[in-house]
Protein backbone atom coordinates (compact mmCIF):
# COMPACT_ATOMS: atom_id res chain seq x y z
CA MET A 1 -14.74 -7.91 -8.40
CA SER A 2 -14.63 -11.23 -6.65
CA GLU A 3 -14.01 -12.48 -3.14
CA ASN A 4 -10.75 -13.94 -4.50
CA HIS A 5 -9.58 -10.46 -5.46
CA LEU A 6 -10.42 -9.12 -2.01
CA SER A 7 -8.55 -12.02 -0.43
CA ALA A 8 -5.54 -11.29 -2.62
CA LEU A 9 -5.63 -7.62 -1.57
CA ARG A 10 -5.79 -8.63 2.10
CA LEU A 11 -2.86 -11.02 1.67
CA LYS A 12 -0.74 -8.35 -0.04
CA HIS A 13 -1.67 -5.88 2.73
CA ALA A 14 -0.53 -8.39 5.37
CA GLU A 15 2.72 -9.00 3.49
CA LEU A 16 3.40 -5.27 3.35
CA GLU A 17 2.65 -4.98 7.07
CA ALA A 18 5.18 -7.72 7.84
CA GLN A 19 7.78 -6.11 5.60
CA LEU A 20 7.14 -2.74 7.23
CA GLU A 21 7.50 -4.22 10.71
CA ARG A 22 10.80 -5.88 9.77
CA GLU A 23 12.15 -2.64 8.34
CA GLU A 24 11.07 -0.56 11.32
CA THR A 25 12.85 -2.89 13.76
CA ARG A 26 16.18 -2.95 11.90
CA PRO A 27 19.06 -1.08 13.57
CA HIS A 28 19.13 1.51 10.76
CA PRO A 29 15.73 1.50 9.03
CA ASP A 30 15.40 2.93 5.52
CA ASP A 31 12.99 5.85 5.90
CA ASP A 32 12.31 6.02 2.16
CA LEU A 33 11.38 2.34 2.06
CA ILE A 34 9.13 2.76 5.10
CA HIS A 35 7.38 5.66 3.40
CA ARG A 36 6.84 3.64 0.20
CA LEU A 37 5.53 0.63 2.14
CA LYS A 38 3.08 2.79 4.08
CA LYS A 39 1.88 4.40 0.86
CA GLN A 40 1.36 0.99 -0.75
CA LYS A 41 -0.55 -0.22 2.32
CA LEU A 42 -2.81 2.82 2.17
CA GLN A 43 -3.49 2.25 -1.53
CA LEU A 44 -4.39 -1.38 -0.81
CA LYS A 45 -6.63 -0.33 2.07
CA ASP A 46 -8.45 2.06 -0.26
CA ALA A 47 -8.79 -0.67 -2.89
CA MET A 48 -10.22 -3.06 -0.27
CA ALA A 49 -12.72 -0.42 0.88
CA GLN A 50 -13.85 0.16 -2.71
CA GLU A 51 -14.15 -3.58 -3.20
CA LEU A 52 -16.38 -3.89 -0.13
CA MET A 53 -18.54 -0.93 -1.16
CA SER A 54 -19.12 -2.35 -4.63
CA ALA A 55 -20.17 -5.75 -3.29
């Protein structure tokens, strides 16, 4: 895969982090949404690690 793909993964990870932070600071955060966002972030982190290992 390319550096562009890795950059896209990093951007999506940062977007999820921002969304997670917003949700966690709401008066009544949605625990299910937080769980899904954390899972997505972990999947992206794994994808980025695989990308780096294959380079």
